[in-house]
PDB file of N, CA and C in Angstrom:
ATOM      1  N   MET A   1      33.831 231.363 195.414  1.00  0.00           N
ATOM      2  CA  MET A   1      34.340 231.943 193.938  1.00  0.00           C
ATOM      3  C   MET A   1      35.100 230.912 193.669  1.00  0.00           C
ATOM      4  N   ASN A   2      34.759 230.927 192.136  1.00  0.00           N
ATOM      5  CA  ASN A   2      34.679 229.478 190.959  1.00  0.00           C
ATOM      6  C   ASN A   2      36.818 229.558 190.250  1.00  0.00           C
ATOM      7  N   ASN A   3      37.514 229.582 191.003  1.00  0.00           N
ATOM      8  CA  ASN A   3      38.613 229.992 190.900  1.00  0.00           C
ATOM      9  C   ASN A   3      39.584 228.401 191.018  1.00  0.00           C
ATOM     10  N   VAL A   4      39.525 228.057 189.380  1.00  0.00           N
ATOM     11  CA  VAL A   4      39.616 226.516 189.425  1.00  0.00           C
ATOM     12  C   VAL A   4      41.126 226.905 188.319  1.00  0.00           C
ATOM     13  N   SER A   5      42.345 226.009 188.897  1.00  0.00           N
ATOM     14  CA  SER A   5      43.871 226.303 188.072  1.00  0.00           C
ATOM     15  C   SER A   5      43.670 225.432 186.821  1.00  0.00           C
ATOM     16  N   ASN A   6      44.246 226.017 185.682  1.00  0.00           N
ATOM     17  CA  ASN A   6      44.344 225.247 184.833  1.00  0.00           C
ATOM     18  C   ASN A   6      45.668 224.377 185.245  1.00  0.00           C
ATOM     19  N   PRO A   7      45.226 222.813 184.915  1.00  0.00           N
ATOM     20  CA  PRO A   7      46.579 222.023 185.150  1.00  0.00           C
ATOM     21  C   PRO A   7      47.416 221.729 183.471  1.00  0.00           C
ATOM     22  N   ILE A   8      47.120 222.612 182.731  1.00  0.00           N
ATOM     23  CA  ILE A   8      47.781 222.110 181.694  1.00  0.00           C
ATOM     24  C   ILE A   8      48.383 223.653 181.251  1.00  0.00           C
ATOM     25  N   ASN A   9      49.903 223.779 181.166  1.00  0.00           N
ATOM     26  CA  ASN A   9      50.680 225.027 181.264  1.00  0.00           C
ATOM     27  C   ASN A   9      50.451 225.521 179.969  1.00  0.00           C
ATOM     28  N   ALA A  10      50.374 226.733 179.685  1.00  0.00           N
ATOM     29  CA  ALA A  10      50.343 227.411 178.377  1.00  0.00           C
ATOM     30  C   ALA A  10      51.786 226.662 177.011  1.00  0.00           C
ATOM     31  N   LYS A  11      52.500 226.271 177.621  1.00  0.00           N
ATOM     32  CA  LYS A  11      53.829 225.985 177.195  1.00  0.00           C
ATOM     33  C   LYS A  11      53.565 224.775 176.224  1.00  0.00           C
ATOM     34  N   ASP A  12      52.680 223.861 177.284  1.00  0.00           N
ATOM     35  CA  ASP A  12      52.326 222.496 176.989  1.00  0.00           C
ATOM     36  C   ASP A  12      51.094 222.198 175.983  1.00  0.00           C
ATOM     37  N   ILE A  13      50.620 223.239 175.563  1.00  0.00           N
ATOM     38  CA  ILE A  13      49.584 223.224 174.962  1.00  0.00           C
ATOM     39  C   ILE A  13      49.839 222.333 173.402  1.00  0.00           C
ATOM     40  N   PRO A  14      50.981 223.334 172.830  1.00  0.00           N
ATOM     41  CA  PRO A  14      51.262 222.298 171.379  1.00  0.00           C
ATOM     42  C   PRO A  14      51.449 220.674 171.543  1.00  0.00           C
ATOM     43  N   ALA A  15      52.549 220.718 172.413  1.00  0.00           N
ATOM     44  CA  ALA A  15      52.316 219.247 172.659  1.00  0.00           C
ATOM     45  C   ALA A  15      51.364 218.262 173.093  1.00  0.00           C
ATOM     46  N   PHE A  16      50.716 219.013 173.746  1.00  0.00           N
ATOM     47  CA  PHE A  16      49.493 218.027 173.998  1.00  0.00           C
ATOM     48  C   PHE A  16      48.647 217.585 173.361  1.00  0.00           C
ATOM     49  N   VAL A  17      48.270 218.701 172.062  1.00  0.00           N
ATOM     50  CA  VAL A  17      47.719 218.570 170.649  1.00  0.00           C
ATOM     51  C   VAL A  17      48.423 217.708 169.990  1.00  0.00           C
ATOM     52  N   LEU A  18      49.560 218.146 169.341  1.00  0.00           N
ATOM     53  CA  LEU A  18      50.320 217.225 168.499  1.00  0.00           C
ATOM     54  C   LEU A  18      49.968 216.132 169.053  1.00  0.00           C
ATOM     55  N   ASN A  19      50.496 215.200 170.351  1.00  0.00           N
ATOM     56  CA  ASN A  19      50.270 214.024 170.860  1.00  0.00           C
ATOM     57  C   ASN A  19      49.071 213.299 170.478  1.00  0.00           C
ATOM     58  N   PHE A  20      47.975 214.071 170.740  1.00  0.00           N
ATOM     59  CA  PHE A  20      46.492 214.186 170.120  1.00  0.00           C
ATOM     60  C   PHE A  20      46.870 213.806 168.312  1.00  0.00           C
ATOM     61  N   LEU A  21      47.064 214.250 167.610  1.00  0.00           N
ATOM     62  CA  LEU A  21      47.254 214.224 166.289  1.00  0.00           C
ATOM     63  C   LEU A  21      48.293 213.059 166.040  1.00  0.00           C
ATOM     64  N   ILE A  22      49.343 213.088 166.546  1.00  0.00           N
ATOM     65  CA  ILE A  22      49.452 211.476 166.326  1.00  0.00           C
ATOM     66  C   ILE A  22      48.560 210.462 166.983  1.00  0.00           C
ATOM     67  N   THR A  23      47.630 210.542 168.024  1.00  0.00           N
ATOM     68  CA  THR A  23      47.044 209.622 168.353  1.00  0.00           C
ATOM     69  C   THR A  23      46.012 209.045 167.238  1.00  0.00           C
ATOM     70  N   ILE A  24      45.345 209.992 166.592  1.00  0.00           N
ATOM     71  CA  ILE A  24      44.473 210.360 165.469  1.00  0.00           C
ATOM     72  C   ILE A  24      45.253 209.612 164.645  1.00  0.00           C
ATOM     73  N   LYS A  25      46.062 209.885 163.975  1.00  0.00           N
ATOM     74  CA  LYS A  25      47.278 208.944 163.030  1.00  0.00           C
ATOM     75  C   LYS A  25      47.576 207.751 162.981  1.00  0.00           C
ATOM     76  N   THR A  26      47.777 206.916 164.387  1.00  0.00           N
ATOM     77  CA  THR A  26      47.786 205.734 164.576  1.00  0.00           C
ATOM     78  C   THR A  26      46.937 205.071 164.777  1.00  0.00           C
ATOM     79  N   SER A  27      45.677 205.918 164.757  1.00  0.00           N
ATOM     80  CA  SER A  27      44.231 205.299 164.988  1.00  0.00           C
ATOM     81  C   SER A  27      43.794 205.041 163.265  1.00  0.00           C
ATOM     82  N   ILE A  28      43.953 205.711 162.650  1.00  0.00           N
ATOM     83  CA  ILE A  28      44.063 205.313 160.932  1.00  0.00           C
ATOM     84  C   ILE A  28      44.770 204.259 160.523  1.00  0.00           C
ATOM     85  N   ASN A  29      46.024 204.555 160.740  1.00  0.00           N
ATOM     86  CA  ASN A  29      46.721 203.323 160.657  1.00  0.00           C
ATOM     87  C   ASN A  29      46.166 201.930 161.062  1.00  0.00           C
ATOM     88  N   ASN A  30      45.271 201.336 161.972  1.00  0.00           N
ATOM     89  CA  ASN A  30      45.483 200.688 163.052  1.00  0.00           C
ATOM     90  C   ASN A  30      43.790 200.345 162.001  1.00  0.00           C
ATOM     91  N   TYR A  31      42.876 201.270 162.284  1.00  0.00           N
ATOM     92  CA  TYR A  31      41.940 200.576 161.275  1.00  0.00           C
ATOM     93  C   TYR A  31      41.876 200.521 159.497  1.00  0.00           C
ATOM     94  N   THR A  32      42.800 201.393 158.956  1.00  0.00           N
ATOM     95  CA  THR A  32      43.321 200.187 158.319  1.00  0.00           C
ATOM     96  C   THR A  32      44.099 198.939 158.114  1.00  0.00           C
ATOM     97  N   VAL A  33      44.615 198.789 158.423  1.00  0.00           N
ATOM     98  CA  VAL A  33      44.868 197.322 158.839  1.00  0.00           C
ATOM     99  C   VAL A  33      43.688 196.588 159.023  1.00  0.00           C
ATOM    100  N   ALA A  34      43.120 197.321 160.038  1.00  0.00           N
ATOM    101  CA  ALA A  34      42.000 195.935 161.013  1.00  0.00           C
ATOM    102  C   ALA A  34      40.868 196.065 159.717  1.00  0.00           C
ATOM    103  N   MET A  35      41.081 196.474 159.082  1.00  0.00           N
ATOM    104  CA  MET A  35      39.535 196.546 157.758  1.00  0.00           C
ATOM    105  C   MET A  35      40.182 195.112 156.607  1.00  0.00           C
ATOM    106  N   THR A  36      41.653 195.720 156.608  1.00  0.00           N
ATOM    107  CA  THR A  36      42.193 194.637 155.835  1.00  0.00           C
ATOM    108  C   THR A  36      42.284 193.062 156.108  1.00  0.00           C
ATOM    109  N   GLU A  37      42.206 192.865 157.482  1.00  0.00           N
ATOM    110  CA  GLU A  37      42.060 191.671 157.999  1.00  0.00           C
ATOM    111  C   GLU A  37      40.663 190.797 158.021  1.00  0.00           C
ATOM    112  N   THR A  38      39.956 191.801 157.908  1.00  0.00           N
ATOM    113  CA  THR A  38      38.392 191.224 158.196  1.00  0.00           C
ATOM    114  C   THR A  38      37.808 190.840 157.159  1.00  0.00           C
ATOM    115  N   SER A  39      37.028 189.674 157.585  1.00  0.00           N
ATOM    116  CA  SER A  39      35.797 189.277 156.367  1.00  0.00           C
ATOM    117  C   SER A  39      34.586 189.606 156.687  1.00  0.00           C
ATOM    118  N   ASN A  40      34.445 189.800 157.959  1.00  0.00           N
ATOM    119  CA  ASN A  40      32.763 190.177 158.158  1.00  0.00           C
ATOM    120  C   ASN A  40      32.981 191.836 157.663  1.00  0.00           C
ATOM    121  N   PRO A  41      31.730 191.448 156.536  1.00  0.00           N
ATOM    122  CA  PRO A  41      30.863 192.410 155.992  1.00  0.00           C
ATOM    123  C   PRO A  41      30.281 193.767 157.191  1.00  0.00           C
ATOM    124  N   HIS A  42      29.950 193.582 157.899  1.00  0.00           N
ATOM    125  CA  HIS A  42      29.217 194.452 158.942  1.00  0.00           C
ATOM    126  C   HIS A  42      30.348 195.149 159.397  1.00  0.00           C
ATOM    127  N   LEU A  43      31.367 194.690 159.915  1.00  0.00           N
ATOM    128  CA  LEU A  43      32.535 194.975 160.698  1.00  0.00           C
ATOM    129  C   LEU A  43      33.687 195.844 159.920  1.00  0.00           C
ATOM    130  N   ARG A  44      33.466 195.317 158.351  1.00  0.00           N
ATOM    131  CA  ARG A  44      34.249 196.285 157.412  1.00  0.00           C
ATOM    132  C   ARG A  44      33.429 197.261 157.093  1.00  0.00           C
ATOM    133  N   ARG A  45      32.560 197.285 157.582  1.00  0.00           N
ATOM    134  CA  ARG A  45      31.570 198.973 156.782  1.00  0.00           C
ATOM    135  C   ARG A  45      31.384 199.606 158.851  1.00  0.00           C
ATOM    136  N   ALA A  46      31.411 199.078 159.717  1.00  0.00           N
ATOM    137  CA  ALA A  46      32.063 199.984 161.053  1.00  0.00           C
ATOM    138  C   ALA A  46      33.020 200.292 161.164  1.00  0.00           C
ATOM    139  N   LEU A  47      33.794 199.678 160.512  1.00  0.00           N
ATOM    140  CA  LEU A  47      35.591 199.917 160.613  1.00  0.00           C
ATOM    141  C   LEU A  47      35.792 201.273 159.777  1.00  0.00           C
ATOM    142  N   ARG A  48      34.764 201.210 158.296  1.00  0.00           N
ATOM    143  CA  ARG A  48      35.001 202.157 157.417  1.00  0.00           C
ATOM    144  C   ARG A  48      34.754 203.701 158.055  1.00  0.00           C
ATOM    145  N   ASP A  49      33.577 203.784 158.785  1.00  0.00           N
ATOM    146  CA  ASP A  49      32.769 204.267 158.939  1.00  0.00           C
ATOM    147  C   ASP A  49      34.021 205.021 159.952  1.00  0.00           C
ATOM    148  N   GLN A  50      34.470 204.485 160.930  1.00  0.00           N
ATOM    149  CA  GLN A  50      35.691 204.956 162.211  1.00  0.00           C
ATOM    150  C   GLN A  50      36.806 205.649 161.472  1.00  0.00           C
ATOM    151  N   LEU A  51      37.225 204.951 160.445  1.00  0.00           N
ATOM    152  CA  LEU A  51      37.903 205.439 159.795  1.00  0.00           C
ATOM    153  C   LEU A  51      37.978 207.076 159.311  1.00  0.00           C
ATOM    154  N   ASP A  52      36.269 206.864 158.129  1.00  0.00           N
ATOM    155  CA  ASP A  52      36.065 208.358 157.907  1.00  0.00           C
ATOM    156  C   ASP A  52      36.175 209.330 158.946  1.00  0.00           C
ATOM    157  N   VAL A  53      35.526 208.589 160.167  1.00  0.00           N
ATOM    158  CA  VAL A  53      35.474 210.078 160.935  1.00  0.00           C
ATOM    159  C   VAL A  53      37.167 210.306 161.570  1.00  0.00           C
ATOM    160  N   ALA A  54      37.912 209.077 161.550  1.00  0.00           N
ATOM    161  CA  ALA A  54      39.389 209.940 161.842  1.00  0.00           C
ATOM    162  C   ALA A  54      40.231 210.382 160.909  1.00  0.00           C
ATOM    163  N   VAL A  55      39.984 210.057 159.540  1.00  0.00           N
ATOM    164  CA  VAL A  55      40.831 211.058 158.793  1.00  0.00           C
ATOM    165  C   VAL A  55      39.855 212.322 158.476  1.00  0.00           C
ATOM    166  N   TYR A  56      38.474 212.772 158.616  1.00  0.00           N
ATOM    167  CA  TYR A  56      38.130 214.018 159.065  1.00  0.00           C
ATOM    168  C   TYR A  56      38.409 214.820 160.182  1.00  0.00           C
ATOM    169  N   LEU A  57      39.111 213.974 161.283  1.00  0.00           N
ATOM    170  CA  LEU A  57      39.431 214.495 162.323  1.00  0.00           C
ATOM    171  C   LEU A  57      40.333 215.419 162.190  1.00  0.00           C
ATOM    172  N   HIS A  58      41.614 214.602 161.640  1.00  0.00           N
ATOM    173  CA  HIS A  58      42.714 214.839 161.335  1.00  0.00           C
ATOM    174  C   HIS A  58      43.255 215.630 160.313  1.00  0.00           C
ATOM    175  N   GLY A  59      41.903 216.042 159.886  1.00  0.00           N
ATOM    176  CA  GLY A  59      42.312 217.173 158.561  1.00  0.00           C
ATOM    177  C   GLY A  59      41.734 218.522 159.565  1.00  0.00           C
ATOM    178  N   GLU A  60      40.769 218.140 160.145  1.00  0.00           N
ATOM    179  CA  GLU A  60      40.403 219.405 160.683  1.00  0.00           C
ATOM    180  C   GLU A  60      41.128 220.279 161.622  1.00  0.00           C
ATOM    181  N   LEU A  61      41.689 219.139 162.674  1.00  0.00           N
ATOM    182  CA  LEU A  61      43.035 219.400 163.562  1.00  0.00           C
ATOM    183  C   LEU A  61      44.221 219.772 162.383  1.00  0.00           C
ATOM    184  N   SER A  62      44.194 219.147 162.118  1.00  0.00           N
ATOM    185  CA  SER A  62      45.763 219.990 161.354  1.00  0.00           C
ATOM    186  C   SER A  62      45.718 221.327 160.744  1.00  0.00           C
ATOM    187  N   GLU A  63      44.232 221.353 160.088  1.00  0.00           N
ATOM    188  CA  GLU A  63      44.046 222.668 159.621  1.00  0.00           C
ATOM    189  C   GLU A  63      44.214 223.694 160.776  1.00  0.00           C
ATOM    190  N   LEU A  64      43.899 223.759 161.891  1.00  0.00           N
ATOM    191  CA  LEU A  64      43.351 224.591 162.970  1.00  0.00           C
ATOM    192  C   LEU A  64      44.638 224.675 163.425  1.00  0.00           C
ATOM    193  N   LEU A  65      45.897 223.741 163.470  1.00  0.00           N
ATOM    194  CA  LEU A  65      47.078 223.853 163.888  1.00  0.00           C
ATOM    195  C   LEU A  65      47.924 224.418 162.713  1.00  0.00           C
ATOM    196  N   MET A  66      47.804 223.920 161.564  1.00  0.00           N
ATOM    197  CA  MET A  66      48.246 225.549 160.387  1.00  0.00           C
ATOM    198  C   MET A  66      47.586 226.936 160.690  1.00  0.00           C
ATOM    199  N   GLU A  67      46.183 226.922 160.957  1.00  0.00           N
ATOM    200  CA  GLU A  67      46.030 228.534 161.408  1.00  0.00           C
ATOM    201  C   GLU A  67      46.820 229.144 162.554  1.00  0.00           C
ATOM    202  N   LYS A  68      46.816 228.025 163.278  1.00  0.00           N
ATOM    203  CA  LYS A  68      47.464 229.109 165.011  1.00  0.00           C
ATOM    204  C   LYS A  68      49.548 229.200 164.662  1.00  0.00           C
ATOM    205  N   GLY A  69      49.516 228.554 163.197  1.00  0.00           N
ATOM    206  CA  GLY A  69      51.412 228.514 163.270  1.00  0.00           C
ATOM    207  C   GLY A  69      51.962 227.104 164.325  1.00  0.00           C
ATOM    208  N   LEU A  70      51.102 226.729 164.694  1.00  0.00           N
ATOM    209  CA  LEU A  70      51.426 225.688 165.791  1.00  0.00           C
ATOM    210  C   LEU A  70      52.469 224.447 164.564  1.00  0.00           C
ATOM    211  N   ILE A  71      52.126 224.103 163.351  1.00  0.00           N
ATOM    212  CA  ILE A  71      52.493 223.156 162.258  1.00  0.00           C
ATOM    213  C   ILE A  71      52.829 223.690 161.281  1.00  0.00           C
ATOM    214  N   LEU A  72      53.801 223.422 160.393  1.00  0.00           N
ATOM    215  CA  LEU A  72      53.339 224.244 158.559  1.00  0.00           C
ATOM    216  C   LEU A  72      52.954 223.017 157.915  1.00  0.00           C
ATOM    217  N   ASP A  73      52.409 223.405 156.956  1.00  0.00           N
ATOM    218  CA  ASP A  73      51.826 222.236 155.810  1.00  0.00           C
ATOM    219  C   ASP A  73      53.090 221.622 155.040  1.00  0.00           C
ATOM    220  N   LYS A  74      52.840 220.535 154.523  1.00  0.00           N
ATOM    221  CA  LYS A  74      53.810 219.676 153.980  1.00  0.00           C
ATOM    222  C   LYS A  74      54.728 220.862 153.149  1.00  0.00           C
ATOM    223  N   GLN A  75      53.988 221.613 151.918  1.00  0.00           N
ATOM    224  CA  GLN A  75      55.174 221.766 151.286  1.00  0.00           C
ATOM    225  C   GLN A  75      55.637 223.246 151.600  1.00  0.00           C
ATOM    226  N   LEU A  76      55.396 223.897 152.474  1.00  0.00           N
ATOM    227  CA  LEU A  76      56.100 224.891 153.390  1.00  0.00           C
ATOM    228  C   LEU A  76      57.176 224.240 154.378  1.00  0.00           C
ATOM    229  N   GLN A  77      57.014 223.191 154.572  1.00  0.00           N
ATOM    230  CA  GLN A  77      57.954 222.530 155.494  1.00  0.00           C
ATOM    231  C   GLN A  77      59.032 222.208 154.555  1.00  0.00           C
ATOM    232  N   ILE A  78      58.714 221.811 153.173  1.00  0.00           N
ATOM    233  CA  ILE A  78      59.957 221.459 152.213  1.00  0.00           C
ATOM    234  C   ILE A  78      60.315 222.462 151.515  1.00  0.00           C
ATOM    235  N   ASP A  79      59.470 223.055 151.326  1.00  0.00           N
ATOM    236  CA  ASP A  79      60.489 224.707 150.840  1.00  0.00           C
ATOM    237  C   ASP A  79      61.432 225.665 151.970  1.00  0.00           C
ATOM    238  N   SER A  80      60.871 225.193 153.291  1.00  0.00           N
ATOM    239  CA  SER A  80      61.791 225.571 154.599  1.00  0.00           C
ATOM    240  C   SER A  80      63.115 225.213 154.617  1.00  0.00           C
ATOM    241  N   LEU A  81      63.035 223.656 154.487  1.00  0.00           N
ATOM    242  CA  LEU A  81      63.957 222.979 154.607  1.00  0.00           C
ATOM    243  C   LEU A  81      65.191 223.054 153.437  1.00  0.00           C
ATOM    244  N   LEU A  82      64.602 223.269 152.033  1.00  0.00           N
ATOM    245  CA  LEU A  82      65.560 223.967 150.329  1.00  0.00           C
ATOM    246  C   LEU A  82      66.191 224.793 150.725  1.00  0.00           C
ATOM    247  N   SER A  83      64.974 225.900 151.544  1.00  0.00           N
ATOM    248  CA  SER A  83      65.738 227.224 151.311  1.00  0.00           C
ATOM    249  C   SER A  83      66.905 227.301 152.734  1.00  0.00           C
ATOM    250  N   CYS A  84      66.916 226.637 153.432  1.00  0.00           N
ATOM    251  CA  CYS A  84      67.895 226.212 154.376  1.00  0.00           C
ATOM    252  C   CYS A  84      69.370 225.633 154.062  1.00  0.00           C
ATOM    253  N   ARG A  85      69.068 225.061 152.908  1.00  0.00           N
ATOM    254  CA  ARG A  85      70.131 223.839 152.814  1.00  0.00           C
ATOM    255  C   ARG A  85      71.044 224.726 152.062  1.00  0.00           C
ATOM    256  N   GLU A  86      70.004 225.627 151.007  1.00  0.00           N
ATOM    257  CA  GLU A  86      70.983 226.781 149.910  1.00  0.00           C
ATOM    258  C   GLU A  86      71.935 227.944 150.613  1.00  0.00           C
ATOM    259  N   LEU A  87      71.862 227.869 152.125  1.00  0.00           N
ATOM    260  CA  LEU A  87      72.470 228.905 152.984  1.00  0.00           C
ATOM    261  C   LEU A  87      73.792 228.912 153.311  1.00  0.00           C
TER     262      LEU A  87
END
């Protein structure tokens, strides 16, 4: 019988996914800094390609998390904060 236990508890999945999102964001910052510090055009092009992939992945993961209701988009966060202040 193939009864493999899942090492990730269901309640930990959002934290795990949000940690991945933060890691991607950190990578974007690191690629940007590295691009500004290199003078090699081939290396700069490779870093830009990696940056493009990281930005795309961050966008896709953010959209998925918003669809699943795990994170709110920025405007909804702002609106929620403003409505709380009015109470």
